[in-house]
Protein backbone atom coordinates (compact mmCIF):
# COMPACT_ATOMS: atom_id res chain seq x y z
CA MET A 1 10.17 18.75 15.70
CA LYS A 2 12.28 15.35 15.94
CA LYS A 3 8.96 13.64 15.55
CA PHE A 4 8.42 15.09 12.02
CA ILE A 5 12.27 14.20 11.01
CA GLN A 6 11.90 10.55 12.38
CA VAL A 7 8.51 10.22 10.26
CA ALA A 8 10.22 12.52 7.25
CA LEU A 9 13.59 9.50 7.61
CA TRP A 10 11.23 6.55 7.58
CA THR A 11 9.01 7.72 4.73
CA LEU A 12 12.28 8.24 2.68
CA VAL A 13 13.24 5.07 3.61
CA ALA A 14 9.98 3.62 2.71
CA VAL A 15 10.62 5.11 -0.56
CA VAL A 16 14.07 3.90 -1.23
CA LEU A 17 13.95 0.33 -0.11
CA PRO A 18 11.75 -0.56 -3.46
CA ALA A 19 13.75 1.28 -5.48
CA THR A 20 17.20 -0.87 -4.69
CA ALA A 21 15.30 -4.16 -4.89
CA PHE A 22 13.80 -3.15 -8.17
CA ALA A 23 17.74 -2.19 -9.57
CA ALA A 24 18.71 -5.79 -7.95
CA GLU A 25 15.98 -7.57 -9.91
CA GLY A 26 17.58 -6.00 -12.89
CA GLY A 27 15.76 -3.37 -13.27
CA GLY A 28 12.78 -4.31 -15.73
CA GLU A 29 9.94 -2.70 -14.02
CA ALA A 30 11.98 0.19 -12.74
CA SER A 31 11.11 1.86 -15.47
CA SER A 32 7.45 2.53 -14.42
CA LEU A 33 8.44 3.63 -10.81
CA GLY A 34 8.66 7.52 -11.47
CA PRO A 35 5.37 7.96 -12.83
CA ALA A 36 3.74 5.62 -10.31
CA LEU A 37 5.45 7.51 -7.54
CA GLY A 38 4.58 10.54 -8.87
CA ALA A 39 1.45 9.90 -9.34
CA GLY A 40 1.37 9.11 -5.69
CA LEU A 41 2.36 12.51 -4.47
CA ALA A 42 0.42 14.37 -6.59
CA ILE A 43 -2.59 13.29 -5.12
CA GLY A 44 -1.22 12.98 -1.47
CA LEU A 45 0.23 16.31 -1.09
CA ALA A 46 -3.07 18.48 -3.02
CA GLY A 47 -5.53 16.26 -0.86
CA LEU A 48 -2.76 17.06 2.18
CA GLY A 49 -2.66 20.65 0.94
CA CYS A 50 -6.44 20.85 0.15
CA GLY A 51 -7.43 19.52 3.70
CA ILE A 52 -4.98 22.03 5.47
CA GLY A 53 -6.75 24.94 3.30
CA GLN A 54 -10.34 24.08 3.70
CA GLY A 55 -10.30 23.25 7.73
CA LEU A 56 -8.11 27.02 8.04
CA THR A 57 -10.77 28.47 5.69
CA ALA A 58 -13.80 26.44 7.74
CA GLY A 59 -12.42 27.41 11.12
CA ASN A 60 -11.64 31.35 10.43
CA THR A 61 -15.22 31.53 8.79
CA THR A 62 -16.98 29.87 11.75
CA ALA A 63 -14.84 31.95 14.17
CA GLY A 64 -15.96 35.36 11.91
CA ILE A 65 -19.44 34.28 11.73
CA ALA A 66 -19.60 33.66 16.01
CA ARG A 67 -17.84 37.13 16.15
CA ASN A 68 -20.53 38.94 13.76
CA PRO A 69 -23.64 36.89 13.34
CA GLY A 70 -25.34 39.52 11.04
CA SER A 71 -22.60 38.95 8.49
CA ALA A 72 -22.83 35.41 8.25
CA GLY A 73 -24.70 35.85 4.56
CA SER A 74 -21.46 37.62 3.03
CA MET A 75 -18.88 35.25 4.63
CA PHE A 76 -21.31 32.11 3.63
CA VAL A 77 -20.57 32.97 -0.13
CA ASN A 78 -17.17 34.06 0.35
CA TYR A 79 -17.20 30.76 1.87
CA ILE A 80 -18.46 28.74 -0.96
CA LEU A 81 -16.28 30.14 -3.33
CA GLY A 82 -12.75 29.73 -1.66
CA MET A 83 -13.88 26.10 -0.89
CA VAL A 84 -14.91 25.49 -4.75
CA LEU A 85 -11.30 26.99 -5.17
CA ILE A 86 -9.17 24.98 -2.85
CA GLU A 87 -11.06 21.72 -3.95
CA SER A 88 -10.19 22.95 -7.67
CA ILE A 89 -6.27 22.30 -6.74
CA ALA A 90 -7.23 18.68 -5.66
CA ILE A 91 -8.88 17.96 -9.20
CA TYR A 92 -5.97 19.34 -10.66
CA GLY A 93 -3.73 16.98 -8.60
CA LEU A 94 -6.04 14.27 -9.43
CA VAL A 95 -5.91 15.15 -13.58
CA ILE A 96 -1.91 15.41 -13.21
CA ALA A 97 -1.96 11.68 -11.28
CA PHE A 98 -4.54 10.09 -13.97
CA GLN A 99 -1.93 11.43 -16.29
CA LEU A 100 1.07 9.87 -14.89
CA VAL A 101 -0.77 6.42 -14.16
CA GLY A 102 -1.58 6.57 -17.90
CA LYS A 103 2.27 6.71 -18.73
CA ILE A 104 2.70 3.57 -16.73
């Protein structure tokens, strides 16, 4: 938990320092910081969530097939359908990121 807090604080520092640098220069380009940060967070968090979801889905499907090899056919269909639905979340994040980048 301590390591997570340290990573979160350093991430916050890395996000706040460039904002203060833009403020010190007069803020000419600070207006594009919000959409750029939003685009990065949209695709980053969507990718992170989808990676976790796909890993859990693949692991549980593999464990289920290992326990009951006879149900591999029906499990595989559900597995592929689940992967497609999980991947659609990443595509939504990509679309949102592209829309935000268009505002820069």
